[in-house]
Amino acid sequence: MPVRLRPADPAVVGPALARFREGAADDADLRLLTKHLLALLVARAPGGAVEVRVPPFAVAQCLSGTRHTRGTPPAVVEMDPVTWVALAVGDLQWADAARDARLVASGERSDLGHLLPLAAL
């Protein structure tokens, strides 16, 4: 059974985000923020039409529509943790990340820019 992503305690998210914005985040901070922000994304846009991959920390499915169960999903978004956190908190715009090749988005509905930034941290 897959592990469900859950929002983290705000008492630990706040300091981790502060370290991220200062450029001092370590792997534990990036893991926490990645999973927390993916949980918020899934809560905002539940479903299984798009798979969001943030290696090495987490993967999630979001947006309603055709759900895949095996093989490569019809829509995939992949990026590194720093890019994901920056997008999710509004420090980076989707169009800028795409232009700079900081993310790979393929398939229908793979542009998640309209869902970001995520309001609740």
N, C-alpha and C. Protein backbone atom coordinates (compact mmCIF):
# COMPACT_ATOMS: atom_id res chain seq x y z
N MET A 1 0.84 -1.18 0.00
CA MET A 1 0.00 0.00 0.00
C MET A 1 0.89 1.24 0.00
N PRO A 2 0.64 2.20 -0.90
CA PRO A 2 1.48 3.39 -0.97
C PRO A 2 1.30 4.28 0.25
N VAL A 3 2.36 4.97 0.59
CA VAL A 3 2.32 5.92 1.69
C VAL A 3 1.57 7.16 1.22
N ARG A 4 0.64 7.62 2.01
CA ARG A 4 -0.12 8.82 1.68
C ARG A 4 0.65 10.06 2.11
N LEU A 5 0.62 11.06 1.28
CA LEU A 5 1.25 12.33 1.64
C LEU A 5 0.31 13.08 2.56
N ARG A 6 0.87 13.68 3.59
CA ARG A 6 0.07 14.46 4.53
C ARG A 6 0.77 15.79 4.79
N PRO A 7 -0.02 16.85 4.92
CA PRO A 7 0.61 18.13 5.30
C PRO A 7 1.36 17.99 6.63
N ALA A 8 2.47 18.66 6.71
CA ALA A 8 3.29 18.61 7.92
C ALA A 8 2.84 19.67 8.92
N ASP A 9 3.33 19.54 10.12
CA ASP A 9 3.03 20.48 11.20
C ASP A 9 3.60 21.86 10.83
N PRO A 10 2.77 22.90 10.88
CA PRO A 10 3.26 24.26 10.55
C PRO A 10 4.46 24.68 11.40
N ALA A 11 4.58 24.13 12.60
CA ALA A 11 5.70 24.49 13.47
C ALA A 11 7.04 24.03 12.90
N VAL A 12 7.04 23.01 12.05
CA VAL A 12 8.29 22.58 11.42
C VAL A 12 8.40 23.08 9.98
N VAL A 13 7.26 23.33 9.34
CA VAL A 13 7.28 23.83 7.96
C VAL A 13 7.84 25.25 7.90
N GLY A 14 7.40 26.11 8.81
CA GLY A 14 7.85 27.51 8.82
C GLY A 14 9.36 27.66 8.86
N PRO A 15 10.02 27.04 9.84
CA PRO A 15 11.48 27.14 9.91
C PRO A 15 12.18 26.51 8.69
N ALA A 16 11.65 25.39 8.19
CA ALA A 16 12.26 24.77 7.01
C ALA A 16 12.14 25.69 5.80
N LEU A 17 10.99 26.34 5.65
CA LEU A 17 10.81 27.27 4.54
C LEU A 17 11.73 28.48 4.69
N ALA A 18 11.89 28.95 5.90
CA ALA A 18 12.80 30.08 6.13
C ALA A 18 14.23 29.70 5.73
N ARG A 19 14.67 28.50 6.12
CA ARG A 19 16.01 28.05 5.72
C ARG A 19 16.11 27.91 4.21
N PHE A 20 15.03 27.42 3.57
CA PHE A 20 15.02 27.29 2.11
C PHE A 20 15.22 28.65 1.47
N ARG A 21 14.49 29.63 1.91
CA ARG A 21 14.58 30.98 1.32
C ARG A 21 15.90 31.66 1.61
N GLU A 22 16.57 31.25 2.67
CA GLU A 22 17.90 31.78 3.00
C GLU A 22 19.01 31.04 2.24
N GLY A 23 18.64 29.95 1.55
CA GLY A 23 19.64 29.14 0.84
C GLY A 23 20.37 28.19 1.76
N ALA A 24 19.80 27.92 2.93
CA ALA A 24 20.45 27.07 3.91
C ALA A 24 19.72 25.75 4.16
N ALA A 25 18.78 25.39 3.31
CA ALA A 25 18.01 24.16 3.50
C ALA A 25 18.88 22.94 3.25
N ASP A 26 18.74 21.93 4.12
CA ASP A 26 19.44 20.67 3.90
C ASP A 26 18.47 19.65 3.31
N ASP A 27 18.93 18.42 3.12
CA ASP A 27 18.07 17.39 2.52
C ASP A 27 16.82 17.12 3.36
N ALA A 28 16.94 17.17 4.67
CA ALA A 28 15.77 16.94 5.53
C ALA A 28 14.73 18.03 5.31
N ASP A 29 15.17 19.28 5.18
CA ASP A 29 14.24 20.39 4.90
C ASP A 29 13.57 20.19 3.54
N LEU A 30 14.37 19.85 2.52
CA LEU A 30 13.82 19.66 1.18
C LEU A 30 12.83 18.50 1.15
N ARG A 31 13.13 17.42 1.85
CA ARG A 31 12.21 16.28 1.91
C ARG A 31 10.90 16.69 2.57
N LEU A 32 10.99 17.35 3.70
CA LEU A 32 9.80 17.81 4.42
C LEU A 32 8.96 18.74 3.56
N LEU A 33 9.58 19.75 2.98
CA LEU A 33 8.85 20.72 2.17
C LEU A 33 8.27 20.08 0.90
N THR A 34 9.03 19.20 0.27
CA THR A 34 8.54 18.52 -0.93
C THR A 34 7.27 17.74 -0.63
N LYS A 35 7.31 16.91 0.38
CA LYS A 35 6.16 16.08 0.72
C LYS A 35 4.98 16.92 1.21
N HIS A 36 5.26 17.91 2.02
CA HIS A 36 4.20 18.80 2.53
C HIS A 36 3.50 19.52 1.38
N LEU A 37 4.28 20.08 0.48
CA LEU A 37 3.69 20.85 -0.62
C LEU A 37 2.99 19.96 -1.64
N LEU A 38 3.49 18.75 -1.86
CA LEU A 38 2.76 17.82 -2.72
C LEU A 38 1.43 17.43 -2.08
N ALA A 39 1.41 17.27 -0.77
CA ALA A 39 0.15 16.96 -0.08
C ALA A 39 -0.85 18.10 -0.27
N LEU A 40 -0.37 19.34 -0.21
CA LEU A 40 -1.26 20.48 -0.43
C LEU A 40 -1.76 20.51 -1.87
N LEU A 41 -0.89 20.17 -2.82
CA LEU A 41 -1.31 20.13 -4.22
C LEU A 41 -2.40 19.09 -4.43
N VAL A 42 -2.22 17.91 -3.87
CA VAL A 42 -3.21 16.84 -4.01
C VAL A 42 -4.53 17.25 -3.36
N ALA A 43 -4.46 17.95 -2.24
CA ALA A 43 -5.70 18.41 -1.59
C ALA A 43 -6.40 19.46 -2.46
N ARG A 44 -5.64 20.29 -3.12
CA ARG A 44 -6.22 21.33 -3.97
C ARG A 44 -6.78 20.77 -5.26
N ALA A 45 -6.12 19.77 -5.83
CA ALA A 45 -6.52 19.21 -7.13
C ALA A 45 -6.46 17.69 -7.07
N PRO A 46 -7.38 17.05 -6.34
CA PRO A 46 -7.33 15.59 -6.21
C PRO A 46 -7.60 14.89 -7.54
N GLY A 47 -7.05 13.72 -7.67
CA GLY A 47 -7.27 12.92 -8.87
C GLY A 47 -6.01 12.17 -9.25
N GLY A 48 -6.03 11.61 -10.43
CA GLY A 48 -4.89 10.82 -10.87
C GLY A 48 -4.51 11.02 -12.31
N ALA A 49 -4.88 12.14 -12.89
CA ALA A 49 -4.60 12.38 -14.31
C ALA A 49 -3.17 12.82 -14.59
N VAL A 50 -2.52 13.43 -13.61
CA VAL A 50 -1.15 13.93 -13.79
C VAL A 50 -0.29 13.40 -12.66
N GLU A 51 0.86 12.86 -13.01
CA GLU A 51 1.80 12.39 -12.00
C GLU A 51 2.89 13.44 -11.85
N VAL A 52 3.12 13.87 -10.62
CA VAL A 52 4.16 14.86 -10.31
C VAL A 52 5.28 14.12 -9.60
N ARG A 53 6.45 14.14 -10.21
CA ARG A 53 7.62 13.45 -9.66
C ARG A 53 8.64 14.46 -9.20
N VAL A 54 9.07 14.29 -7.95
CA VAL A 54 10.11 15.16 -7.38
C VAL A 54 11.16 14.24 -6.74
N PRO A 55 12.00 13.64 -7.60
CA PRO A 55 13.00 12.72 -7.07
C PRO A 55 14.08 13.46 -6.29
N PRO A 56 14.61 12.87 -5.27
CA PRO A 56 14.38 11.50 -4.80
C PRO A 56 13.33 11.40 -3.69
N PHE A 57 12.56 12.45 -3.47
CA PHE A 57 11.74 12.49 -2.26
C PHE A 57 10.30 12.01 -2.39
N ALA A 58 9.62 12.27 -3.48
CA ALA A 58 8.20 11.91 -3.52
C ALA A 58 7.63 11.95 -4.93
N VAL A 59 6.48 11.32 -5.07
CA VAL A 59 5.69 11.35 -6.29
C VAL A 59 4.23 11.41 -5.86
N ALA A 60 3.43 12.12 -6.63
CA ALA A 60 2.01 12.25 -6.31
C ALA A 60 1.22 12.34 -7.59
N GLN A 61 -0.04 11.97 -7.50
CA GLN A 61 -0.95 12.12 -8.62
C GLN A 61 -1.98 13.18 -8.25
N CYS A 62 -2.34 13.99 -9.24
CA CYS A 62 -3.31 15.06 -9.00
C CYS A 62 -4.17 15.27 -10.24
N LEU A 63 -5.12 16.13 -10.14
CA LEU A 63 -6.08 16.52 -11.17
C LEU A 63 -7.03 15.38 -11.53
N SER A 64 -8.29 15.70 -11.53
CA SER A 64 -9.29 14.70 -11.90
C SER A 64 -9.19 14.40 -13.39
N GLY A 65 -9.62 13.23 -13.74
CA GLY A 65 -9.58 12.79 -15.13
C GLY A 65 -9.16 11.34 -15.19
N THR A 66 -8.67 10.94 -16.32
CA THR A 66 -8.26 9.55 -16.51
C THR A 66 -7.16 9.19 -15.53
N ARG A 67 -7.38 8.15 -14.78
CA ARG A 67 -6.40 7.68 -13.81
C ARG A 67 -5.64 6.51 -14.40
N HIS A 68 -4.34 6.49 -14.22
CA HIS A 68 -3.56 5.36 -14.70
C HIS A 68 -3.20 4.48 -13.52
N THR A 69 -3.01 3.20 -13.78
CA THR A 69 -2.64 2.28 -12.70
C THR A 69 -1.35 1.53 -12.98
N ARG A 70 -0.95 1.46 -14.24
CA ARG A 70 0.27 0.74 -14.59
C ARG A 70 0.99 1.48 -15.72
N GLY A 71 2.30 1.34 -15.72
CA GLY A 71 3.08 1.93 -16.80
C GLY A 71 3.19 3.43 -16.69
N THR A 72 3.56 4.06 -17.78
CA THR A 72 3.75 5.50 -17.81
C THR A 72 2.40 6.20 -17.87
N PRO A 73 2.19 7.16 -16.99
CA PRO A 73 0.92 7.89 -17.00
C PRO A 73 0.81 8.79 -18.22
N PRO A 74 -0.42 9.21 -18.56
CA PRO A 74 -0.61 10.05 -19.75
C PRO A 74 0.00 11.45 -19.60
N ALA A 75 0.14 11.93 -18.38
CA ALA A 75 0.74 13.24 -18.15
C ALA A 75 1.71 13.14 -16.97
N VAL A 76 2.93 13.63 -17.18
CA VAL A 76 3.97 13.56 -16.16
C VAL A 76 4.65 14.91 -16.05
N VAL A 77 4.90 15.30 -14.82
CA VAL A 77 5.68 16.50 -14.53
C VAL A 77 6.81 16.05 -13.61
N GLU A 78 8.04 16.43 -13.95
CA GLU A 78 9.17 16.05 -13.12
C GLU A 78 10.10 17.22 -12.94
N MET A 79 10.60 17.37 -11.72
CA MET A 79 11.54 18.45 -11.41
C MET A 79 12.30 18.10 -10.14
N ASP A 80 13.35 18.83 -9.87
CA ASP A 80 14.13 18.63 -8.66
C ASP A 80 13.41 19.30 -7.48
N PRO A 81 13.77 18.93 -6.26
CA PRO A 81 13.08 19.47 -5.09
C PRO A 81 13.17 21.00 -4.95
N VAL A 82 14.29 21.58 -5.27
CA VAL A 82 14.43 23.04 -5.13
C VAL A 82 13.46 23.76 -6.07
N THR A 83 13.35 23.26 -7.29
CA THR A 83 12.40 23.86 -8.24
C THR A 83 10.97 23.70 -7.75
N TRP A 84 10.62 22.49 -7.28
CA TRP A 84 9.26 22.25 -6.80
C TRP A 84 8.89 23.19 -5.64
N VAL A 85 9.75 23.29 -4.67
CA VAL A 85 9.46 24.14 -3.52
C VAL A 85 9.32 25.59 -3.97
N ALA A 86 10.23 26.06 -4.79
CA ALA A 86 10.16 27.44 -5.27
C ALA A 86 8.86 27.71 -6.03
N LEU A 87 8.45 26.77 -6.87
CA LEU A 87 7.18 26.92 -7.59
C LEU A 87 6.00 26.94 -6.61
N ALA A 88 5.99 25.98 -5.71
CA ALA A 88 4.85 25.79 -4.81
C ALA A 88 4.65 26.95 -3.85
N VAL A 89 5.72 27.64 -3.48
CA VAL A 89 5.58 28.77 -2.55
C VAL A 89 5.55 30.12 -3.26
N GLY A 90 5.64 30.10 -4.59
CA GLY A 90 5.52 31.34 -5.34
C GLY A 90 6.81 32.10 -5.57
N ASP A 91 7.94 31.48 -5.26
CA ASP A 91 9.23 32.14 -5.49
C ASP A 91 9.70 31.99 -6.95
N LEU A 92 9.02 31.14 -7.71
CA LEU A 92 9.36 30.87 -9.11
C LEU A 92 8.05 30.68 -9.87
N GLN A 93 7.97 31.23 -11.06
CA GLN A 93 6.78 31.07 -11.90
C GLN A 93 6.94 29.86 -12.82
N TRP A 94 5.83 29.19 -13.09
CA TRP A 94 5.83 28.00 -13.94
C TRP A 94 6.47 28.29 -15.30
N ALA A 95 6.07 29.36 -15.92
CA ALA A 95 6.59 29.69 -17.26
C ALA A 95 8.10 29.89 -17.23
N ASP A 96 8.61 30.50 -16.18
CA ASP A 96 10.06 30.71 -16.06
C ASP A 96 10.79 29.38 -15.87
N ALA A 97 10.24 28.50 -15.04
CA ALA A 97 10.86 27.19 -14.81
C ALA A 97 10.85 26.37 -16.09
N ALA A 98 9.76 26.42 -16.84
CA ALA A 98 9.67 25.68 -18.10
C ALA A 98 10.66 26.25 -19.12
N ARG A 99 10.71 27.56 -19.22
CA ARG A 99 11.62 28.21 -20.17
C ARG A 99 13.08 27.86 -19.87
N ASP A 100 13.42 27.80 -18.59
CA ASP A 100 14.79 27.54 -18.17
C ASP A 100 15.10 26.05 -18.05
N ALA A 101 14.17 25.19 -18.50
CA ALA A 101 14.34 23.74 -18.46
C ALA A 101 14.57 23.21 -17.05
N ARG A 102 13.93 23.83 -16.07
CA ARG A 102 14.04 23.37 -14.69
C ARG A 102 12.99 22.31 -14.38
N LEU A 103 12.08 22.08 -15.34
CA LEU A 103 11.09 21.02 -15.18
C LEU A 103 10.81 20.41 -16.54
N VAL A 104 10.30 19.20 -16.51
CA VAL A 104 9.88 18.50 -17.72
C VAL A 104 8.41 18.20 -17.53
N ALA A 105 7.58 18.66 -18.46
CA ALA A 105 6.14 18.42 -18.39
C ALA A 105 5.69 17.88 -19.73
N SER A 106 5.09 16.69 -19.70
CA SER A 106 4.63 16.09 -20.94
C SER A 106 3.22 15.56 -20.76
N GLY A 107 2.48 15.62 -21.82
CA GLY A 107 1.12 15.11 -21.80
C GLY A 107 0.10 16.20 -21.58
N GLU A 108 -1.13 15.84 -21.87
CA GLU A 108 -2.25 16.77 -21.72
C GLU A 108 -2.43 17.15 -20.26
N ARG A 109 -2.66 18.41 -20.01
CA ARG A 109 -2.93 18.96 -18.67
C ARG A 109 -1.71 18.95 -17.76
N SER A 110 -0.51 18.86 -18.31
CA SER A 110 0.67 18.80 -17.46
C SER A 110 1.16 20.17 -17.00
N ASP A 111 0.56 21.24 -17.47
CA ASP A 111 0.90 22.59 -16.99
C ASP A 111 0.13 22.83 -15.71
N LEU A 112 0.83 22.85 -14.60
CA LEU A 112 0.20 23.03 -13.29
C LEU A 112 0.30 24.47 -12.79
N GLY A 113 0.74 25.37 -13.65
CA GLY A 113 0.93 26.76 -13.25
C GLY A 113 -0.30 27.41 -12.66
N HIS A 114 -1.48 27.02 -13.13
CA HIS A 114 -2.72 27.63 -12.63
C HIS A 114 -3.04 27.20 -11.20
N LEU A 115 -2.38 26.16 -10.69
CA LEU A 115 -2.61 25.69 -9.32
C LEU A 115 -1.62 26.28 -8.33
N LEU A 116 -0.62 26.96 -8.83
CA LEU A 116 0.46 27.46 -7.99
C LEU A 116 0.49 28.98 -7.97
N PRO A 117 0.94 29.58 -6.90
CA PRO A 117 1.47 28.95 -5.69
C PRO A 117 0.35 28.37 -4.82
N LEU A 118 0.74 27.51 -3.93
CA LEU A 118 -0.21 26.92 -2.98
C LEU A 118 -0.38 27.88 -1.83
N ALA A 119 -1.59 28.21 -1.49
CA ALA A 119 -1.88 29.27 -0.52
C ALA A 119 -1.47 28.89 0.92
N ALA A 120 -1.91 27.74 1.38
CA ALA A 120 -1.68 27.38 2.79
C ALA A 120 -0.34 26.71 2.96
N LEU A 121 0.50 27.26 3.78
CA LEU A 121 1.78 26.64 4.09
C LEU A 121 1.75 26.25 5.53
